Amino acid sequence: MKSLTNPIPLAQQSVIPPNYAEFNDYSRLRLPMYSLLICVGLTICSKQSLAEDIQTQAPTLESAPLSPPAPLPASEPPAPMTPVQAIITSQHHPFLTAANFPNRAEDLNALYQPTNYQLLWLNKPSSEQNINDVISLLSSAADYGLNPEHYDVQLLRTKQTTALNEQDQAAYDTALSLSLIRFLHDLHYGRVNPQDINFNLKLREKKLIDLPLLIKTHLEQQTLLALPPDVEPKLLQYQKLKTALSQYKKLAEKASHFKLAFKKALRPGDTFSDVSDLRDMLVTLGDLPENTALPEKADKYSDKLVVGIKNFQRRHGLAADGVIGKTTAEELSTPVDKRVQQIELAMERLRWLPELSSDPSIIVNIPAFQLWTYENVNDPNTKMTNMRVVVGKAMKNQTPVLMATMSYIDFSPYWNVPYNIVKDELLPKLSPGFLAKENMELVSNGGVTGYSAATVAQLKQGTVRIRQKPGKKNALGRVKFLFPNKNDVYLHDTPANSLFSRSRRDFSHGCVRVAKPQELAEFALKEQKNLG
């Protein structure tokens, strides 16, 4: 096999080879700018930690506190502040529960400055309609996985029908504006700063959305209720989660009374005293048709119920064998309102992500053990593919959360074994026979070297390394996908294909193994016309 030291520019290639046999003439191919995101999905925090995050963590993209206006020359007395300007300058609101707003003062100032800090909502011909629209929008925060109480909805309703003096009018007007800004900010950026809870993802370096301008535009056009689509994430996963949130909130009202207990694994044909409740729960969750009849024997785990359990297992990423073992029993026993919380947390995490370009993208959902490719991640109708992945072992070798640009593909790669794997796993069994059996070799700065006590000593010091040659046993399989990152993780093929059939797939040392490497390679190289 020819090994190329330098990457071959894709412009010098011809056609995409239809299979791996024809890839053997290349070692590494340079790719165009493909976005890759490895992220967390439906993992769940404790209720306590979530509450602490929301109460104590600063929102994303904090602005510097707004400085008071520069003093005018002594010869000219400063113009008196309007009540609105005084509230903005103080960065403290007299009505709202979260009174201090240093991080939103810049946006609030930008909203009122063009009108010389006059009222925006009150004393206008359309005041009633506009205020009702703002309150309606804030009241719907739960539809987006947010809490209406964070935006003082009840206070705004109460004050709407209260007689207000000039100072209170300014306070109420700015309360409407500040609550709306906070809601739109949280909907776009999220409520929690991810870096404050060790979510290692580079944040936005600058604001790409002008909230005051959006508010003023929709206010002028009388389309305030249409604000959310302009600011919430466009990701297809987010939109699906929002739909699921609505469905699961309705389910929570229906399924709250189901409490099933399984003392041991339940197999098809076994006796189970709560068969009726199991059937009703599966119907409520949509895993069985409503007209599914109970079995003739009222306590038998029948074939029809098994079908429903298999549907339930598939939806929850479990092996669909129809056996209610420990894991399936735990999922069945999870309250639906806990699922609602999981969905809300997943939506929050997706809001943390910077805006993704319309270029082809690859997204890995770590806890779901899934990978998706998108022609255009911002197009809800985009062409996409999905495949299973194996990720890093939880609590030991977790796959890091990151965003990077995929720039190379290596075919028939060598595997340079990381030092920690050499030290912990290979050194205890190292011998010439072991190296030959595993198709491995010792490599120093001068090239391949032989096995000896001296080279083993150097291996322990890290000056000699072990690499596995291309072949059937190679841990990276036939191809790896590289995207430079400080964690030195990448996507790759694997000879251990049996692991993809598992429902839980956290077995790697941190890199991501893909179930369909050829499909992924074809996706990454599809626009390259010269690969022959």
Protein backbone atom coordinates (compact mmCIF):
# COMPACT_ATOMS: atom_id res chain seq x y z
CA MET A 1 0.00 0.00 0.00
CA LYS A 2 1.32 3.41 -0.94
CA SER A 3 1.71 5.73 2.05
CA LEU A 4 1.58 9.45 1.37
CA THR A 5 3.36 11.70 3.85
CA ASN A 6 1.72 14.93 2.72
CA PRO A 7 -2.02 15.39 2.31
CA ILE A 8 -3.28 15.28 -1.27
CA PRO A 9 -5.33 18.40 -2.08
CA LEU A 10 -8.80 17.25 -3.06
CA ALA A 11 -8.69 19.35 -6.19
CA GLN A 12 -6.03 16.93 -7.52
CA GLN A 13 -8.25 13.85 -7.12
CA SER A 14 -10.93 12.55 -9.51
CA VAL A 15 -14.00 10.56 -8.38
CA ILE A 16 -15.25 9.14 -5.07
CA PRO A 17 -14.30 5.48 -4.91
CA PRO A 18 -17.40 3.30 -4.38
CA ASN A 19 -15.78 1.12 -1.73
CA TYR A 20 -12.78 0.84 0.55
CA ALA A 21 -10.83 -1.42 -1.78
CA GLU A 22 -10.37 1.58 -4.06
CA PHE A 23 -9.33 3.86 -1.19
CA ASN A 24 -6.05 2.01 -0.70
CA ASP A 25 -4.11 4.35 -2.99
CA TYR A 26 -4.51 7.19 -0.52
CA SER A 27 -3.26 7.67 2.97
CA ARG A 28 -4.74 11.05 3.84
CA LEU A 29 -7.18 13.35 2.06
CA ARG A 30 -7.65 17.03 2.88
CA LEU A 31 -11.28 18.06 3.36
CA PRO A 32 -13.17 21.30 2.86
CA MET A 33 -14.55 23.13 5.92
CA TYR A 34 -16.90 20.61 7.52
CA SER A 35 -18.32 21.54 10.91
CA LEU A 36 -18.24 18.86 13.57
CA LEU A 37 -20.03 19.10 16.90
CA ILE A 38 -19.74 16.55 19.68
CA CYS A 39 -22.33 17.41 22.28
CA VAL A 40 -24.45 16.22 25.15
CA GLY A 41 -28.14 15.57 24.72
CA LEU A 42 -30.71 14.12 27.05
CA THR A 43 -28.56 13.74 30.12
CA ILE A 44 -30.16 14.97 33.31
CA CYS A 45 -28.95 17.07 36.23
CA SER A 46 -30.37 16.79 39.71
CA LYS A 47 -33.19 19.18 40.53
CA GLN A 48 -30.99 20.79 43.14
CA SER A 49 -28.10 21.48 40.80
CA LEU A 50 -30.40 22.87 38.13
CA ALA A 51 -32.00 25.24 40.60
CA GLU A 52 -28.60 26.41 41.78
CA ASP A 53 -27.46 26.95 38.19
CA ILE A 54 -30.47 29.08 37.37
CA GLN A 55 -30.26 31.11 40.54
CA THR A 56 -26.53 31.72 40.68
CA GLN A 57 -24.93 31.41 37.26
CA ALA A 58 -24.54 34.48 35.11
CA PRO A 59 -26.30 34.40 31.72
CA THR A 60 -24.30 33.89 28.56
CA LEU A 61 -22.78 36.92 26.84
CA GLU A 62 -22.79 39.16 29.86
CA SER A 63 -22.48 42.80 29.04
CA ALA A 64 -20.28 45.13 31.04
CA PRO A 65 -22.35 47.17 33.49
CA LEU A 66 -23.72 50.27 31.82
CA SER A 67 -21.72 53.35 32.80
CA PRO A 68 -23.62 56.47 33.83
CA PRO A 69 -23.65 59.28 31.27
CA ALA A 70 -20.46 61.33 31.13
CA PRO A 71 -20.84 64.62 32.99
CA LEU A 72 -21.37 67.71 30.87
CA PRO A 73 -19.00 70.71 31.10
CA ALA A 74 -19.48 72.70 34.27
CA SER A 75 -20.79 75.70 32.30
CA GLU A 76 -23.82 73.71 31.13
CA PRO A 77 -26.13 72.20 33.72
CA PRO A 78 -26.90 68.55 32.90
CA ALA A 79 -30.30 67.87 31.39
CA PRO A 80 -32.61 66.23 33.90
CA MET A 81 -33.04 62.48 33.46
CA THR A 82 -36.41 61.11 32.50
CA PRO A 83 -37.80 58.52 34.94
CA VAL A 84 -37.03 55.81 32.36
CA GLN A 85 -33.42 56.94 32.01
CA ALA A 86 -33.01 57.04 35.78
CA ILE A 87 -34.10 53.41 36.10
CA ILE A 88 -31.75 52.28 33.32
CA THR A 89 -28.82 54.20 34.78
CA SER A 90 -29.42 52.71 38.25
CA GLN A 91 -29.42 49.17 36.82
CA HIS A 92 -31.91 48.33 39.57
CA HIS A 93 -35.61 47.83 38.91
CA PRO A 94 -38.18 48.79 41.57
CA PHE A 95 -40.85 46.29 40.44
CA LEU A 96 -39.13 43.10 39.31
CA THR A 97 -38.17 40.12 41.47
CA ALA A 98 -34.68 39.98 39.95
CA ALA A 99 -34.18 43.69 40.55
CA ASN A 100 -30.57 44.12 39.40
CA PHE A 101 -29.93 44.00 35.67
CA PRO A 102 -26.29 45.02 34.91
CA ASN A 103 -26.09 42.34 32.20
CA ARG A 104 -29.19 43.56 30.38
CA ALA A 105 -28.72 47.30 30.86
CA GLU A 106 -27.01 47.79 27.51
CA ASP A 107 -29.93 46.23 25.63
CA LEU A 108 -32.49 48.14 27.69
CA ASN A 109 -30.65 51.39 27.02
CA ALA A 110 -30.51 50.66 23.28
CA LEU A 111 -34.27 50.14 23.28
CA TYR A 112 -35.11 53.51 24.84
CA GLN A 113 -32.27 55.80 23.75
CA PRO A 114 -33.61 56.47 20.21
CA THR A 115 -36.80 57.95 21.70
CA ASN A 116 -34.97 60.02 24.32
CA TYR A 117 -36.04 57.61 27.05
CA GLN A 118 -39.76 58.10 26.58
CA LEU A 119 -42.35 55.41 27.32
CA LEU A 120 -42.41 52.58 24.80
CA TRP A 121 -45.57 50.67 25.76
CA LEU A 122 -47.87 53.00 27.67
CA ASN A 123 -49.96 55.94 26.43
CA LYS A 124 -50.00 54.73 22.82
CA PRO A 125 -53.04 54.01 20.61
CA SER A 126 -52.10 50.32 20.52
CA SER A 127 -50.88 50.07 24.13
CA GLU A 128 -53.45 47.56 25.30
CA GLN A 129 -52.83 45.16 22.42
CA ASN A 130 -49.05 45.46 22.65
CA ILE A 131 -48.97 44.91 26.42
CA ASN A 132 -51.32 41.94 26.12
CA ASP A 133 -49.05 40.46 23.46
CA VAL A 134 -45.96 40.84 25.66
CA ILE A 135 -47.69 39.26 28.65
CA SER A 136 -49.04 36.45 26.45
CA LEU A 137 -45.57 35.82 25.09
CA LEU A 138 -44.00 35.67 28.57
CA SER A 139 -46.84 33.45 29.79
CA SER A 140 -45.96 30.94 27.05
CA ALA A 141 -42.36 30.58 28.28
CA ALA A 142 -43.10 27.03 29.47
CA ASP A 143 -43.76 26.02 25.85
CA TYR A 144 -40.07 26.71 25.22
CA GLY A 145 -38.77 24.92 28.30
CA LEU A 146 -38.50 28.16 30.32
CA ASN A 147 -40.25 29.27 33.49
CA PRO A 148 -42.80 32.15 33.25
CA GLU A 149 -42.09 33.04 36.89
CA HIS A 150 -38.61 34.19 35.88
CA TYR A 151 -40.24 36.98 33.84
CA ASP A 152 -42.63 38.31 36.53
CA VAL A 153 -45.73 37.52 34.48
CA GLN A 154 -48.16 37.77 37.40
CA LEU A 155 -46.76 41.14 38.49
CA LEU A 156 -47.08 42.51 34.97
CA ARG A 157 -50.70 41.37 34.82
CA THR A 158 -51.53 42.96 38.15
CA LYS A 159 -49.87 46.28 37.38
CA GLN A 160 -51.60 46.44 33.98
CA THR A 161 -54.91 47.31 35.64
CA THR A 162 -53.47 49.54 38.35
CA ALA A 163 -53.52 53.35 38.24
CA LEU A 164 -49.91 54.49 37.94
CA ASN A 165 -48.22 57.84 38.55
CA GLU A 166 -45.40 59.09 36.34
CA GLN A 167 -42.67 57.22 38.22
CA ASP A 168 -44.65 54.00 38.29
CA GLN A 169 -45.48 54.31 34.60
CA ALA A 170 -41.76 54.43 33.86
CA ALA A 171 -41.20 51.45 36.13
CA TYR A 172 -44.01 49.43 34.51
CA ASP A 173 -42.91 50.34 30.98
CA THR A 174 -39.31 49.31 31.64
CA ALA A 175 -40.51 46.18 33.48
CA LEU A 176 -42.29 45.06 30.30
CA SER A 177 -39.19 45.78 28.22
CA LEU A 178 -36.72 44.16 30.62
CA SER A 179 -38.83 41.03 31.07
CA LEU A 180 -39.19 40.68 27.30
CA ILE A 181 -35.43 41.18 26.77
CA ARG A 182 -34.68 38.58 29.44
CA PHE A 183 -37.07 36.09 27.87
CA LEU A 184 -35.65 36.54 24.36
CA HIS A 185 -32.09 36.41 25.68
CA ASP A 186 -32.78 33.16 27.55
CA LEU A 187 -34.54 31.70 24.51
CA HIS A 188 -31.55 32.45 22.29
CA TYR A 189 -28.50 32.03 24.54
CA GLY A 190 -29.86 29.96 27.46
CA ARG A 191 -30.29 30.90 31.12
CA VAL A 192 -27.04 29.38 32.40
CA ASN A 193 -23.45 30.13 31.43
CA PRO A 194 -22.26 26.64 30.39
CA GLN A 195 -18.63 27.31 31.29
CA ASP A 196 -19.65 27.97 34.88
CA ILE A 197 -20.84 24.37 35.17
CA ASN A 198 -17.79 22.88 33.42
CA PHE A 199 -19.44 22.54 30.02
CA ASN A 200 -16.29 22.85 27.92
CA LEU A 201 -17.58 24.56 24.82
CA LYS A 202 -16.31 27.80 23.31
CA LEU A 203 -18.96 30.47 23.67
CA ARG A 204 -19.97 33.08 21.13
CA GLU A 205 -17.29 35.73 20.80
CA LYS A 206 -19.76 38.45 19.84
CA LYS A 207 -23.46 39.07 19.63
CA LEU A 208 -24.96 38.06 16.31
CA ILE A 209 -28.52 39.06 17.17
CA ASP A 210 -29.77 42.55 18.04
CA LEU A 211 -32.58 42.04 20.54
CA PRO A 212 -33.56 45.74 20.91
CA LEU A 213 -33.79 46.11 17.12
CA LEU A 214 -35.90 42.95 16.86
CA ILE A 215 -38.28 44.18 19.54
CA LYS A 216 -38.66 47.62 17.93
CA THR A 217 -39.22 46.08 14.48
CA HIS A 218 -41.91 43.69 15.70
CA LEU A 219 -43.50 46.43 17.78
CA GLU A 220 -43.78 48.71 14.75
CA GLN A 221 -45.19 45.86 12.66
CA GLN A 222 -47.56 44.71 15.44
CA THR A 223 -46.08 41.18 15.27
CA LEU A 224 -44.73 40.75 18.80
CA LEU A 225 -46.12 37.22 19.09
CA ALA A 226 -43.86 36.22 16.17
CA LEU A 227 -40.65 37.07 18.04
CA PRO A 228 -39.66 33.56 19.30
CA PRO A 229 -38.92 32.01 15.86
CA ASP A 230 -36.48 34.85 15.21
CA VAL A 231 -34.35 34.05 18.26
CA GLU A 232 -34.71 30.38 19.19
CA PRO A 233 -32.28 27.77 17.78
CA LYS A 234 -32.98 26.58 14.25
CA LEU A 235 -31.50 23.12 14.87
CA LEU A 236 -33.83 20.30 13.88
CA GLN A 237 -33.12 18.54 17.20
CA TYR A 238 -34.29 21.62 19.08
CA GLN A 239 -37.51 21.84 17.11
CA LYS A 240 -38.19 18.15 17.68
CA LEU A 241 -37.55 18.57 21.39
CA LYS A 242 -39.98 21.47 21.52
CA THR A 243 -42.65 19.28 19.92
CA ALA A 244 -41.83 16.45 22.32
CA LEU A 245 -42.05 18.86 25.26
CA SER A 246 -45.64 19.70 24.38
CA GLN A 247 -46.53 16.03 23.97
CA TYR A 248 -44.89 14.95 27.22
CA LYS A 249 -46.53 17.70 29.23
CA LYS A 250 -49.89 16.36 28.08
CA LEU A 251 -48.76 12.81 28.87
CA ALA A 252 -47.66 13.86 32.35
CA GLU A 253 -51.24 14.77 33.18
CA LYS A 254 -52.51 11.37 32.05
CA ALA A 255 -49.72 9.05 33.19
CA SER A 256 -48.98 10.45 36.63
CA HIS A 257 -50.96 7.74 38.45
CA PHE A 258 -49.08 4.74 37.01
CA LYS A 259 -46.78 3.12 39.58
CA LEU A 260 -45.52 -0.27 38.40
CA ALA A 261 -43.31 -2.49 40.53
CA PHE A 262 -41.27 -5.38 39.10
CA LYS A 263 -39.75 -7.74 41.67
CA LYS A 264 -37.89 -9.74 39.03
CA ALA A 265 -37.38 -9.84 35.26
CA LEU A 266 -40.68 -10.27 33.43
CA ARG A 267 -40.59 -12.46 30.33
CA PRO A 268 -43.26 -13.12 27.71
CA GLY A 269 -45.90 -15.48 29.13
CA ASP A 270 -44.99 -14.76 32.77
CA THR A 271 -47.58 -13.92 35.39
CA PHE A 272 -47.83 -10.28 36.45
CA SER A 273 -50.43 -8.88 38.81
CA ASP A 274 -50.44 -5.34 37.30
CA VAL A 275 -51.10 -6.35 33.70
CA SER A 276 -54.06 -3.98 33.44
CA ASP A 277 -52.01 -0.97 34.57
CA LEU A 278 -49.16 -1.99 32.26
CA ARG A 279 -51.55 -2.12 29.32
CA ASP A 280 -53.09 1.27 30.21
CA MET A 281 -49.66 2.86 30.59
CA LEU A 282 -48.46 1.57 27.20
CA VAL A 283 -51.66 2.86 25.57
CA THR A 284 -51.26 6.27 27.23
CA LEU A 285 -47.64 6.53 26.10
CA GLY A 286 -48.61 5.59 22.56
CA ASP A 287 -46.77 2.27 22.50
CA LEU A 288 -50.01 0.28 22.10
CA PRO A 289 -53.20 1.09 20.16
CA GLU A 290 -56.13 2.21 22.31
CA ASN A 291 -58.20 -0.80 21.22
CA THR A 292 -55.65 -3.30 22.55
CA ALA A 293 -57.62 -5.80 24.61
CA LEU A 294 -56.45 -7.30 27.87
CA PRO A 295 -55.30 -10.92 27.69
CA GLU A 296 -57.82 -13.66 28.48
CA LYS A 297 -55.82 -14.44 31.57
CA ALA A 298 -55.87 -11.13 33.41
CA ASP A 299 -52.44 -11.65 34.95
CA LYS A 300 -50.52 -12.87 31.88
CA TYR A 301 -47.78 -10.87 30.19
CA SER A 302 -49.20 -11.58 26.74
CA ASP A 303 -47.76 -11.25 23.23
CA LYS A 304 -49.73 -8.04 22.61
CA LEU A 305 -48.19 -6.42 25.68
CA VAL A 306 -44.77 -7.65 24.57
CA VAL A 307 -45.23 -5.73 21.31
CA GLY A 308 -45.95 -2.57 23.32
CA ILE A 309 -42.90 -3.09 25.53
CA LYS A 310 -40.69 -3.56 22.46
CA ASN A 311 -41.97 -0.25 21.10
CA PHE A 312 -41.22 1.36 24.46
CA GLN A 313 -37.72 -0.12 24.50
CA ARG A 314 -36.93 1.12 20.99
CA ARG A 315 -38.03 4.65 21.89
CA HIS A 316 -35.72 4.65 24.89
CA GLY A 317 -32.68 3.25 23.09
CA LEU A 318 -32.92 -0.17 24.73
CA ALA A 319 -32.58 -3.64 23.22
CA ALA A 320 -36.09 -4.44 21.97
CA ASP A 321 -36.31 -7.98 23.34
CA GLY A 322 -39.65 -7.63 25.15
CA VAL A 323 -38.12 -8.67 28.47
CA ILE A 324 -38.77 -6.26 31.31
CA GLY A 325 -35.41 -6.47 33.03
CA LYS A 326 -33.79 -4.02 35.41
CA THR A 327 -33.09 -1.27 32.86
CA THR A 328 -36.51 -1.45 31.19
CA ALA A 329 -38.20 -1.52 34.61
CA GLU A 330 -36.30 1.63 35.62
CA GLU A 331 -37.39 3.40 32.45
CA LEU A 332 -41.01 2.34 32.95
CA SER A 333 -40.86 3.62 36.53
CA THR A 334 -39.47 7.02 35.55
CA PRO A 335 -42.24 9.61 36.03
CA VAL A 336 -43.27 11.40 32.86
CA ASP A 337 -42.68 14.77 34.52
CA LYS A 338 -39.03 13.71 34.89
CA ARG A 339 -38.99 13.20 31.11
CA VAL A 340 -40.34 16.74 30.78
CA GLN A 341 -37.42 18.01 32.84
CA GLN A 342 -34.98 16.02 30.71
CA ILE A 343 -36.37 17.60 27.55
CA GLU A 344 -36.19 21.08 29.06
CA LEU A 345 -32.55 20.54 30.02
CA ALA A 346 -31.72 19.24 26.55
CA MET A 347 -33.29 22.34 24.99
CA GLU A 348 -31.23 24.54 27.32
CA ARG A 349 -28.02 22.80 26.26
CA LEU A 350 -28.82 23.32 22.58
CA ARG A 351 -29.29 27.03 23.27
CA TRP A 352 -25.70 27.18 24.51
CA LEU A 353 -24.34 26.27 21.08
CA PRO A 354 -23.01 29.03 18.85
CA GLU A 355 -24.82 29.58 15.58
CA LEU A 356 -23.83 26.87 13.12
CA SER A 357 -23.06 27.71 9.51
CA SER A 358 -25.06 26.32 6.61
CA ASP A 359 -22.11 24.16 5.56
CA PRO A 360 -22.38 20.36 5.81
CA SER A 361 -22.20 19.35 9.47
CA ILE A 362 -21.68 16.26 11.59
CA ILE A 363 -23.24 16.13 15.05
CA VAL A 364 -22.54 13.47 17.67
CA ASN A 365 -24.96 13.15 20.59
CA ILE A 366 -22.81 11.55 23.29
CA PRO A 367 -25.43 10.14 25.73
CA ALA A 368 -27.69 9.03 22.86
CA PHE A 369 -24.74 7.20 21.19
CA GLN A 370 -25.85 8.59 17.82
CA LEU A 371 -24.31 10.58 14.95
CA TRP A 372 -26.13 12.67 12.35
CA THR A 373 -24.87 14.28 9.17
CA TYR A 374 -26.60 17.31 7.71
CA GLU A 375 -26.30 18.95 4.32
CA ASN A 376 -27.47 22.19 5.98
CA VAL A 377 -28.04 22.04 9.72
CA ASN A 378 -30.20 25.19 9.59
CA ASP A 379 -32.64 23.79 7.02
CA PRO A 380 -35.44 21.71 8.61
CA ASN A 381 -35.90 19.86 5.31
CA THR A 382 -32.21 19.09 4.82
CA LYS A 383 -30.98 15.67 3.79
CA MET A 384 -29.55 13.81 6.77
CA THR A 385 -28.18 10.41 7.70
CA ASN A 386 -27.96 8.72 11.09
CA MET A 387 -25.72 6.04 12.53
CA ARG A 388 -24.83 4.52 15.88
CA VAL A 389 -21.58 5.37 17.61
CA VAL A 390 -19.49 4.11 20.51
CA VAL A 391 -18.23 6.88 22.82
CA GLY A 392 -15.89 7.17 25.79
CA LYS A 393 -16.55 5.25 28.97
CA ALA A 394 -18.72 7.31 31.31
CA MET A 395 -17.00 8.64 34.45
CA LYS A 396 -13.64 7.34 33.23
CA ASN A 397 -12.80 8.20 29.61
CA GLN A 398 -15.63 10.54 28.68
CA THR A 399 -15.73 11.85 25.15
CA PRO A 400 -15.25 15.63 25.47
CA VAL A 401 -17.80 18.17 24.32
CA LEU A 402 -16.28 20.20 21.50
CA MET A 403 -16.75 21.96 18.18
CA ALA A 404 -14.12 21.67 15.46
CA THR A 405 -13.60 21.63 11.71
CA MET A 406 -13.00 18.24 10.10
CA SER A 407 -10.00 18.71 7.83
CA TYR A 408 -8.57 15.28 6.96
CA ILE A 409 -9.53 11.66 6.39
CA ASP A 410 -6.91 8.92 6.84
CA PHE A 411 -7.51 5.65 5.01
CA SER A 412 -5.81 2.47 6.22
CA PRO A 413 -4.46 4.42 9.20
CA TYR A 414 -1.78 3.53 11.69
CA TRP A 415 -2.90 3.67 15.31
CA ASN A 416 -0.41 5.46 17.52
CA VAL A 417 -1.34 4.00 20.88
CA PRO A 418 -1.76 6.75 23.53
CA TYR A 419 0.74 6.61 26.37
CA ASN A 420 -1.89 6.02 29.07
CA ILE A 421 -3.15 2.93 27.21
CA VAL A 422 0.43 1.69 26.77
CA LYS A 423 1.17 2.19 30.47
CA ASP A 424 -2.09 0.81 31.87
CA GLU A 425 -2.96 -1.95 29.40
CA LEU A 426 -0.08 -2.97 27.13
CA LEU A 427 3.09 -2.86 29.23
CA PRO A 428 2.01 -5.68 31.60
CA LYS A 429 1.67 -8.09 28.67
CA LEU A 430 4.30 -6.70 26.30
CA SER A 431 6.51 -9.20 24.46
CA PRO A 432 7.73 -9.80 20.92
CA GLY A 433 4.98 -12.40 20.52
CA PHE A 434 2.29 -10.00 21.71
CA LEU A 435 3.46 -7.28 19.31
CA ALA A 436 3.45 -9.71 16.37
CA LYS A 437 0.02 -11.09 17.28
CA GLU A 438 -1.51 -7.62 17.50
CA ASN A 439 0.29 -6.36 14.34
CA MET A 440 2.10 -3.72 16.40
CA GLU A 441 5.59 -2.27 16.27
CA LEU A 442 7.85 -0.08 18.38
CA VAL A 443 8.74 3.31 16.93
CA SER A 444 11.34 5.87 18.00
CA ASN A 445 12.30 9.20 16.46
CA GLY A 446 14.57 7.28 14.11
CA GLY A 447 11.81 4.96 12.89
CA VAL A 448 10.80 1.37 13.65
CA THR A 449 12.99 -0.26 16.29
CA GLY A 450 13.30 -3.75 17.68
CA TYR A 451 12.12 -5.16 20.99
CA SER A 452 14.70 -5.07 23.78
CA ALA A 453 15.03 -4.23 27.44
CA ALA A 454 16.37 -0.82 26.41
CA THR A 455 13.43 -0.03 24.15
CA VAL A 456 10.97 -1.17 26.84
CA ALA A 457 12.65 1.24 29.25
CA GLN A 458 12.34 4.01 26.68
CA LEU A 459 8.71 3.03 26.15
CA LYS A 460 8.05 3.54 29.86
CA GLN A 461 9.70 6.97 29.63
CA GLY A 462 7.63 7.91 26.59
CA THR A 463 10.54 8.31 24.17
CA VAL A 464 9.49 5.17 22.26
CA ARG A 465 5.89 4.52 21.28
CA ILE A 466 3.76 1.65 20.09
CA ARG A 467 1.80 1.84 16.89
CA GLN A 468 -0.50 -0.67 15.27
CA LYS A 469 -0.09 -1.22 11.56
CA PRO A 470 -3.02 -1.03 9.11
CA GLY A 471 -4.92 -4.27 8.82
CA LYS A 472 -7.92 -6.23 10.07
CA LYS A 473 -6.89 -5.93 13.71
CA ASN A 474 -6.22 -2.20 13.62
CA ALA A 475 -8.28 -0.52 16.36
CA LEU A 476 -9.12 2.37 14.01
CA GLY A 477 -10.43 0.05 11.33
CA ARG A 478 -10.11 1.21 7.75
CA VAL A 479 -10.53 4.95 8.14
CA LYS A 480 -10.33 7.78 10.65
CA PHE A 481 -11.71 11.31 10.45
CA LEU A 482 -9.51 14.06 11.88
CA PHE A 483 -10.52 17.45 13.25
CA PRO A 484 -7.72 19.22 15.14
CA ASN A 485 -8.61 19.69 18.82
CA LYS A 486 -6.74 19.93 22.11
CA ASN A 487 -8.24 16.64 23.36
CA ASP A 488 -6.81 14.71 20.38
CA VAL A 489 -10.05 12.81 19.77
CA TYR A 490 -11.36 11.80 16.36
CA LEU A 491 -13.98 9.64 14.65
CA HIS A 492 -12.95 6.27 13.30
CA ASP A 493 -13.97 2.84 12.03
CA THR A 494 -13.55 -0.20 14.31
CA PRO A 495 -13.20 -3.97 13.98
CA ALA A 496 -15.37 -4.39 17.12
CA ASN A 497 -18.70 -4.07 15.31
CA SER A 498 -20.63 -6.18 17.81
CA LEU A 499 -20.68 -3.27 20.27
CA PHE A 500 -23.00 -1.30 18.00
CA SER A 501 -25.82 -3.71 18.80
CA ARG A 502 -25.69 -2.74 22.49
CA SER A 503 -28.24 -0.23 23.79
CA ARG A 504 -25.60 1.50 25.92
CA ARG A 505 -22.43 2.14 23.97
CA ASP A 506 -19.81 3.86 26.13
CA PHE A 507 -16.79 1.58 25.67
CA SER A 508 -14.01 3.65 24.06
CA HIS A 509 -11.08 5.56 25.54
CA GLY A 510 -12.64 8.85 24.39
CA CYS A 511 -12.65 8.76 20.60
CA VAL A 512 -15.88 8.08 18.70
CA ARG A 513 -16.28 4.83 16.77
CA VAL A 514 -18.81 5.02 13.91
CA ALA A 515 -21.01 2.16 12.71
CA LYS A 516 -21.11 3.28 9.06
CA PRO A 517 -17.66 4.67 8.22
CA GLN A 518 -18.08 4.33 4.46
CA GLU A 519 -21.30 6.37 4.51
CA LEU A 520 -19.56 9.01 6.60
CA ALA A 521 -16.59 9.11 4.20
CA GLU A 522 -18.90 9.44 1.21
CA PHE A 523 -20.73 12.29 2.93
CA ALA A 524 -17.48 14.11 3.70
CA LEU A 525 -16.08 13.63 0.19
CA LYS A 526 -19.24 13.97 -1.89
CA GLU A 527 -18.38 17.39 -3.31
CA GLN A 528 -14.87 16.35 -4.35
CA LYS A 529 -14.76 15.53 -8.07
CA ASN A 530 -11.15 14.40 -8.46
CA LEU A 531 -10.57 11.33 -6.30
CA GLY A 532 -9.74 8.69 -8.89
